[in-house]
Each structure stands twice: as structure tokens, then as C-alpha cells.
Amino acid sequence: MGHRILVLYGSYRSDRMGIRLAQFVLEGFRQRGDDVELIDAKAVGLPMLDRMYKEYPRGHAPAALERLAGQIRGADGFVFVTGEYNWGMQPGLKNLTDHFLEEWFWRPAAIASYSAGRFSGVRAALAWHGTLSEMGMVVISSTIAAGPIAQTLSEDGRPIGEGGSALQRAFPRFADDLLWWMEAAKLQRERKKPPY
């Protein structure tokens, strides 16, 4: 049986290159038999954070927040696909993530980064690692990175060139690490009530 994985993507730009990496990740997990879904921050369209989901009276959160909360709670794990903006995180993805807290707890997360340049978004990935850990997720050590993204993945997310070949070689370990932690976390959640 496949695992339930959410792939979260946060670019609001009109010419979004990172969607290529999100498509690559989605297809990779689908081929392994997992139930994987894209959560596109731009499509969800949450406002800048004013109130977290938990700060609304029960049953009174906006429909988009309510739906997304259910999707997060129902997931076994997450992949955050992040671009690098001025050495940091994409604001759209960070805003989406910050609307929730307890919904993320005790689930593993993986980071896939990209950029137009040769550093492949690794500085953003590093920033995300600490943030996701603070939000109660177990962040796996394996990462994948694409850059320059236009020379690594085609418009439909297919690997191209030397960078694409390297990405294909890295994906199995990335996926295996996330799946191992999803199974471990799921077993632990079933066995024990969370400590808080």
C-alpha cells in the first residue's frame, strides 16, 4: 500500500520554473505506488498570515484553511519544493506553512530545492531544515537539488542533461529515506499518544 504524501510548492511568480521540480517529485513517488498530491500555495491562495488555523473557533475557519488542515492531518509525510530568494525562503511557501502548527507534528518532511543558478537553492534548503524541525517535523537528511533548473528539467518536469541524470540518480535514496521515516513515524503515532 502506498503512503500519502503532500508535495508543497510556493512560487507566486508568473514564470514559475520550480513547478518542474514539483512535477519531477510527484512523478517519482507515483511511480513507486504512493498516493501523492501537489499543494500549490498560489492555487490555494491564502492571505498573508493574520490568524493561524487553530485560532479560529471550531468550524469557522475559511474553507481553504479547513480543507488544507484535513489534507495535512491525513498525510504520512511531506516534500517541500523550495526556490531560493535572496539566499532565503520563498515567502509564499513560508506563509502557507505558517498557517498551521500542530497539524505538522510527528510527520517527516523532505526538502527539494532549486534555483536558476548553480547553487540549486541549497541556502533556502538549509533555512527550511531548521524551520520545519521547529514546527514539529522530522526532516530527513537526504535532499535533492536542481540547478540551473532550466538545464536540469524540461518544462514538463522530465530530467535533461547531466543535471537531470544526477537528479534521477539521487531520487531513489531521497524517496527511500522519506518512506522509512514515514513508516517509523506512523507506527509510533499508532502505538503512543503524542506527548503534548
C-alpha atoms as a PDB file:
ATOM      1  CA  MET A   1       0.000   0.000   0.000  1.00  0.00           C
ATOM      2  CA  GLY A   2       1.279   3.471  -0.882  1.00  0.00           C
ATOM      3  CA  HIS A   3       1.903   6.285   1.504  1.00  0.00           C
ATOM      4  CA  ARG A   4       0.012   9.585   1.479  1.00  0.00           C
ATOM      5  CA  ILE A   5       2.488  12.350   0.567  1.00  0.00           C
ATOM      6  CA  LEU A   6       1.864  16.053   0.085  1.00  0.00           C
ATOM      7  CA  VAL A   7       4.271  17.951  -2.176  1.00  0.00           C
ATOM      8  CA  LEU A   8       4.161  21.622  -1.179  1.00  0.00           C
ATOM      9  CA  TYR A   9       5.248  24.274  -3.662  1.00  0.00           C
ATOM     10  CA  GLY A  10       5.274  28.011  -3.047  1.00  0.00           C
ATOM     11  CA  SER A  11       6.234  30.190  -6.013  1.00  0.00           C
ATOM     12  CA  TYR A  12       3.855  33.009  -6.927  1.00  0.00           C
ATOM     13  CA  ARG A  13       5.899  34.150  -9.931  1.00  0.00           C
ATOM     14  CA  SER A  14       4.269  34.323 -13.353  1.00  0.00           C
ATOM     15  CA  ASP A  15       7.061  32.282 -14.976  1.00  0.00           C
ATOM     16  CA  ARG A  16       7.420  29.520 -12.395  1.00  0.00           C
ATOM     17  CA  MET A  17      10.423  27.285 -13.035  1.00  0.00           C
ATOM     18  CA  GLY A  18      10.212  25.339  -9.783  1.00  0.00           C
ATOM     19  CA  ILE A  19       6.989  23.648 -10.847  1.00  0.00           C
ATOM     20  CA  ARG A  20       9.281  21.456 -12.947  1.00  0.00           C
ATOM     21  CA  LEU A  21      10.887  20.052  -9.804  1.00  0.00           C
ATOM     22  CA  ALA A  22       7.491  19.617  -8.144  1.00  0.00           C
ATOM     23  CA  GLN A  23       6.323  17.609 -11.177  1.00  0.00           C
ATOM     24  CA  PHE A  24       9.502  15.506 -11.084  1.00  0.00           C
ATOM     25  CA  VAL A  25       8.928  14.697  -7.394  1.00  0.00           C
ATOM     26  CA  LEU A  26       5.236  13.902  -7.935  1.00  0.00           C
ATOM     27  CA  GLU A  27       6.003  11.541 -10.801  1.00  0.00           C
ATOM     28  CA  GLY A  28       8.831   9.861  -8.902  1.00  0.00           C
ATOM     29  CA  PHE A  29       6.604   8.976  -5.946  1.00  0.00           C
ATOM     30  CA  ARG A  30       3.682   7.981  -8.188  1.00  0.00           C
ATOM     31  CA  GLN A  31       5.920   5.502  -9.972  1.00  0.00           C
ATOM     32  CA  ARG A  32       6.719   3.978  -6.582  1.00  0.00           C
ATOM     33  CA  GLY A  33       3.000   3.456  -5.875  1.00  0.00           C
ATOM     34  CA  ASP A  34       2.469   6.297  -3.419  1.00  0.00           C
ATOM     35  CA  ASP A  35      -0.616   8.500  -3.150  1.00  0.00           C
ATOM     36  CA  VAL A  36       0.934  11.896  -3.817  1.00  0.00           C
ATOM     37  CA  GLU A  37      -0.717  15.292  -4.224  1.00  0.00           C
ATOM     38  CA  LEU A  38       0.552  18.762  -5.103  1.00  0.00           C
ATOM     39  CA  ILE A  39      -0.330  21.603  -2.736  1.00  0.00           C
ATOM     40  CA  ASP A  40       0.371  24.771  -4.717  1.00  0.00           C
ATOM     41  CA  ALA A  41       0.431  27.829  -2.445  1.00  0.00           C
ATOM     42  CA  LYS A  42      -0.540  30.131  -5.311  1.00  0.00           C
ATOM     43  CA  ALA A  43      -3.575  27.974  -6.177  1.00  0.00           C
ATOM     44  CA  VAL A  44      -4.626  27.673  -2.513  1.00  0.00           C
ATOM     45  CA  GLY A  45      -4.402  31.459  -2.273  1.00  0.00           C
ATOM     46  CA  LEU A  46      -4.169  32.006   1.476  1.00  0.00           C
ATOM     47  CA  PRO A  47      -3.868  35.630   2.610  1.00  0.00           C
ATOM     48  CA  MET A  48      -0.787  36.805   4.471  1.00  0.00           C
ATOM     49  CA  LEU A  49      -0.923  35.249   7.916  1.00  0.00           C
ATOM     50  CA  ASP A  50      -3.294  37.029  10.253  1.00  0.00           C
ATOM     51  CA  ARG A  51      -4.724  34.060  12.165  1.00  0.00           C
ATOM     52  CA  MET A  52      -3.448  30.529  12.278  1.00  0.00           C
ATOM     53  CA  TYR A  53      -5.937  27.741  11.600  1.00  0.00           C
ATOM     54  CA  LYS A  54      -6.059  26.855  15.296  1.00  0.00           C
ATOM     55  CA  GLU A  55      -7.012  30.438  16.230  1.00  0.00           C
ATOM     56  CA  TYR A  56     -10.411  30.203  14.530  1.00  0.00           C
ATOM     57  CA  PRO A  57     -13.362  28.856  16.512  1.00  0.00           C
ATOM     58  CA  ARG A  58     -14.034  25.245  15.541  1.00  0.00           C
ATOM     59  CA  GLY A  59     -15.920  25.150  12.234  1.00  0.00           C
ATOM     60  CA  HIS A  60     -15.327  28.834  11.443  1.00  0.00           C
ATOM     61  CA  ALA A  61     -12.004  28.741   9.572  1.00  0.00           C
ATOM     62  CA  PRO A  62     -12.082  29.811   5.920  1.00  0.00           C
ATOM     63  CA  ALA A  63     -12.860  26.879   3.609  1.00  0.00           C
ATOM     64  CA  ALA A  64      -9.358  26.804   2.085  1.00  0.00           C
ATOM     65  CA  LEU A  65      -7.780  26.547   5.555  1.00  0.00           C
ATOM     66  CA  GLU A  66     -10.211  23.846   6.672  1.00  0.00           C
ATOM     67  CA  ARG A  67      -9.583  21.769   3.559  1.00  0.00           C
ATOM     68  CA  LEU A  68      -5.799  22.136   3.805  1.00  0.00           C
ATOM     69  CA  ALA A  69      -5.798  21.261   7.523  1.00  0.00           C
ATOM     70  CA  GLY A  70      -7.534  17.983   6.678  1.00  0.00           C
ATOM     71  CA  GLN A  71      -5.050  17.242   3.903  1.00  0.00           C
ATOM     72  CA  ILE A  72      -2.096  17.861   6.222  1.00  0.00           C
ATOM     73  CA  ARG A  73      -3.552  15.742   9.039  1.00  0.00           C
ATOM     74  CA  GLY A  74      -4.201  12.914   6.561  1.00  0.00           C
ATOM     75  CA  ALA A  75      -0.654  12.872   5.171  1.00  0.00           C
ATOM     76  CA  ASP A  76       2.093  10.460   6.159  1.00  0.00           C
ATOM     77  CA  GLY A  77       4.817  12.877   5.054  1.00  0.00           C
ATOM     78  CA  PHE A  78       5.696  15.998   3.126  1.00  0.00           C
ATOM     79  CA  VAL A  79       8.077  17.203   0.447  1.00  0.00           C
ATOM     80  CA  PHE A  80       8.772  20.940   0.449  1.00  0.00           C
ATOM     81  CA  VAL A  81       9.845  22.140  -3.004  1.00  0.00           C
ATOM     82  CA  THR A  82      11.593  25.439  -2.444  1.00  0.00           C
ATOM     83  CA  GLY A  83      13.274  28.044  -4.538  1.00  0.00           C
ATOM     84  CA  GLU A  84      15.858  30.408  -3.162  1.00  0.00           C
ATOM     85  CA  TYR A  85      15.027  34.104  -2.941  1.00  0.00           C
ATOM     86  CA  ASN A  86      17.992  36.305  -1.935  1.00  0.00           C
ATOM     87  CA  TRP A  87      19.605  33.421  -0.016  1.00  0.00           C
ATOM     88  CA  GLY A  88      16.347  32.667   1.760  1.00  0.00           C
ATOM     89  CA  MET A  89      12.927  31.052   1.663  1.00  0.00           C
ATOM     90  CA  GLN A  90      10.107  31.676  -0.755  1.00  0.00           C
ATOM     91  CA  PRO A  91       7.561  33.830   1.057  1.00  0.00           C
ATOM     92  CA  GLY A  92       4.565  32.048  -0.493  1.00  0.00           C
ATOM     93  CA  LEU A  93       5.577  28.645   0.818  1.00  0.00           C
ATOM     94  CA  LYS A  94       6.529  30.025   4.226  1.00  0.00           C
ATOM     95  CA  ASN A  95       3.179  31.824   4.514  1.00  0.00           C
ATOM     96  CA  LEU A  96       1.248  28.651   3.666  1.00  0.00           C
ATOM     97  CA  THR A  97       3.265  26.626   6.166  1.00  0.00           C
ATOM     98  CA  ASP A  98       2.856  29.159   8.988  1.00  0.00           C
ATOM     99  CA  HIS A  99      -0.941  28.932   8.946  1.00  0.00           C
ATOM    100  CA  PHE A 100      -0.620  25.584  10.744  1.00  0.00           C
ATOM    101  CA  LEU A 101       1.354  24.092  13.606  1.00  0.00           C
ATOM    102  CA  GLU A 102       0.030  21.007  15.397  1.00  0.00           C
ATOM    103  CA  GLU A 103      -1.157  19.565  12.070  1.00  0.00           C
ATOM    104  CA  TRP A 104       2.500  19.057  11.064  1.00  0.00           C
ATOM    105  CA  PHE A 105       3.583  17.287  14.264  1.00  0.00           C
ATOM    106  CA  TRP A 106       5.252  13.849  14.224  1.00  0.00           C
ATOM    107  CA  ARG A 107       5.456  13.545  10.444  1.00  0.00           C
ATOM    108  CA  PRO A 108       8.598  13.503   8.329  1.00  0.00           C
ATOM    109  CA  ALA A 109       9.471  16.142   5.785  1.00  0.00           C
ATOM    110  CA  ALA A 110      11.914  16.204   2.892  1.00  0.00           C
ATOM    111  CA  ILE A 111      13.321  19.215   1.068  1.00  0.00           C
ATOM    112  CA  ALA A 112      13.819  19.554  -2.682  1.00  0.00           C
ATOM    113  CA  SER A 113      15.424  22.838  -3.708  1.00  0.00           C
ATOM    114  CA  TYR A 114      16.115  24.633  -6.961  1.00  0.00           C
ATOM    115  CA  SER A 115      17.402  27.854  -8.441  1.00  0.00           C
ATOM    116  CA  ALA A 116      18.278  29.382 -11.778  1.00  0.00           C
ATOM    117  CA  GLY A 117      21.935  29.259 -10.800  1.00  0.00           C
ATOM    118  CA  ARG A 118      24.419  26.563  -9.945  1.00  0.00           C
ATOM    119  CA  PHE A 119      23.825  26.540  -6.163  1.00  0.00           C
ATOM    120  CA  SER A 120      20.434  24.838  -6.669  1.00  0.00           C
ATOM    121  CA  GLY A 121      18.676  26.615  -3.810  1.00  0.00           C
ATOM    122  CA  VAL A 122      20.758  24.964  -1.099  1.00  0.00           C
ATOM    123  CA  ARG A 123      20.743  28.059   1.123  1.00  0.00           C
ATOM    124  CA  ALA A 124      16.945  28.022   1.145  1.00  0.00           C
ATOM    125  CA  ALA A 125      17.000  24.295   1.898  1.00  0.00           C
ATOM    126  CA  LEU A 126      19.256  24.942   4.876  1.00  0.00           C
ATOM    127  CA  ALA A 127      16.889  27.618   6.201  1.00  0.00           C
ATOM    128  CA  TRP A 128      13.900  25.292   5.766  1.00  0.00           C
ATOM    129  CA  HIS A 129      15.578  22.487   7.709  1.00  0.00           C
ATOM    130  CA  GLY A 130      15.583  24.394  10.986  1.00  0.00           C
ATOM    131  CA  THR A 131      12.130  25.871  10.424  1.00  0.00           C
ATOM    132  CA  LEU A 132      10.438  22.549   9.699  1.00  0.00           C
ATOM    133  CA  SER A 133      12.160  20.938  12.684  1.00  0.00           C
ATOM    134  CA  GLU A 134      10.888  23.725  14.935  1.00  0.00           C
ATOM    135  CA  MET A 135       7.374  23.090  13.594  1.00  0.00           C
ATOM    136  CA  GLY A 136       7.454  19.504  14.869  1.00  0.00           C
ATOM    137  CA  MET A 137       8.505  17.620  11.743  1.00  0.00           C
ATOM    138  CA  VAL A 138      11.356  15.155  11.396  1.00  0.00           C
ATOM    139  CA  VAL A 139      13.421  16.478   8.484  1.00  0.00           C
ATOM    140  CA  ILE A 140      15.252  13.722   6.630  1.00  0.00           C
ATOM    141  CA  SER A 141      18.940  14.140   5.849  1.00  0.00           C
ATOM    142  CA  SER A 142      18.636  13.302   2.141  1.00  0.00           C
ATOM    143  CA  THR A 143      17.846  16.182  -0.174  1.00  0.00           C
ATOM    144  CA  ILE A 144      17.602  16.719  -3.887  1.00  0.00           C
ATOM    145  CA  ALA A 145      18.552  19.942  -5.648  1.00  0.00           C
ATOM    146  CA  ALA A 146      18.161  21.198  -9.211  1.00  0.00           C
ATOM    147  CA  GLY A 147      20.189  23.999 -10.695  1.00  0.00           C
ATOM    148  CA  PRO A 148      20.344  25.560 -13.073  1.00  0.00           C
ATOM    149  CA  ILE A 149      16.782  24.273 -13.196  1.00  0.00           C
ATOM    150  CA  ALA A 150      16.163  25.105 -16.868  1.00  0.00           C
ATOM    151  CA  GLN A 151      19.132  22.895 -17.773  1.00  0.00           C
ATOM    152  CA  THR A 152      18.118  20.092 -15.387  1.00  0.00           C
ATOM    153  CA  LEU A 153      14.401  19.583 -16.017  1.00  0.00           C
ATOM    154  CA  SER A 154      12.224  20.118 -19.083  1.00  0.00           C
ATOM    155  CA  GLU A 155       9.027  22.179 -18.939  1.00  0.00           C
ATOM    156  CA  ASP A 156       7.063  19.036 -18.063  1.00  0.00           C
ATOM    157  CA  GLY A 157       9.456  18.000 -15.286  1.00  0.00           C
ATOM    158  CA  ARG A 158      11.483  15.401 -17.178  1.00  0.00           C
ATOM    159  CA  PRO A 159      15.214  15.136 -16.440  1.00  0.00           C
ATOM    160  CA  ILE A 160      17.501  16.555 -19.132  1.00  0.00           C
ATOM    161  CA  GLY A 161      21.247  16.822 -19.492  1.00  0.00           C
ATOM    162  CA  GLU A 162      23.872  15.994 -16.937  1.00  0.00           C
ATOM    163  CA  GLY A 163      21.962  17.727 -14.113  1.00  0.00           C
ATOM    164  CA  GLY A 164      18.840  15.722 -14.871  1.00  0.00           C
ATOM    165  CA  SER A 165      20.801  12.485 -14.795  1.00  0.00           C
ATOM    166  CA  ALA A 166      22.264  13.402 -11.402  1.00  0.00           C
ATOM    167  CA  LEU A 167      18.776  14.209 -10.112  1.00  0.00           C
ATOM    168  CA  GLN A 168      17.471  10.830 -11.292  1.00  0.00           C
ATOM    169  CA  ARG A 169      20.330   9.044  -9.532  1.00  0.00           C
ATOM    170  CA  ALA A 170      19.675  10.929  -6.269  1.00  0.00           C
ATOM    171  CA  PHE A 171      15.902  10.412  -6.183  1.00  0.00           C
ATOM    172  CA  PRO A 172      15.739   6.748  -5.048  1.00  0.00           C
ATOM    173  CA  ARG A 173      17.722   7.380  -1.861  1.00  0.00           C
ATOM    174  CA  PHE A 174      15.730  10.576  -1.200  1.00  0.00           C
ATOM    175  CA  ALA A 175      12.458   8.655  -1.574  1.00  0.00           C
ATOM    176  CA  ASP A 176      13.673   5.643   0.436  1.00  0.00           C
ATOM    177  CA  ASP A 177      14.720   7.869   3.340  1.00  0.00           C
ATOM    178  CA  LEU A 178      11.369   9.641   3.406  1.00  0.00           C
ATOM    179  CA  LEU A 179       9.454   6.356   3.190  1.00  0.00           C
ATOM    180  CA  TRP A 180      11.483   4.818   6.036  1.00  0.00           C
ATOM    181  CA  TRP A 181      10.711   7.777   8.308  1.00  0.00           C
ATOM    182  CA  MET A 182       7.038   7.818   7.294  1.00  0.00           C
ATOM    183  CA  GLU A 183       6.693   4.168   8.285  1.00  0.00           C
ATOM    184  CA  ALA A 184       8.548   4.721  11.566  1.00  0.00           C
ATOM    185  CA  ALA A 185       6.516   7.821  12.472  1.00  0.00           C
ATOM    186  CA  LYS A 186       3.220   6.194  11.544  1.00  0.00           C
ATOM    187  CA  LEU A 187       3.989   3.173  13.720  1.00  0.00           C
ATOM    188  CA  GLN A 188       4.954   5.404  16.629  1.00  0.00           C
ATOM    189  CA  ARG A 189       1.800   7.544  16.270  1.00  0.00           C
ATOM    190  CA  GLU A 190      -0.312   4.363  16.326  1.00  0.00           C
ATOM    191  CA  ARG A 191       1.467   2.983  19.386  1.00  0.00           C
ATOM    192  CA  LYS A 192       1.647   6.063  21.575  1.00  0.00           C
ATOM    193  CA  LYS A 193      -0.391   9.111  22.260  1.00  0.00           C
ATOM    194  CA  PRO A 194       1.669  12.235  21.389  1.00  0.00           C
ATOM    195  CA  PRO A 195       3.341  13.738  24.460  1.00  0.00           C
ATOM    196  CA  TYR A 196       1.518  17.069  24.127  1.00  0.00           C
END
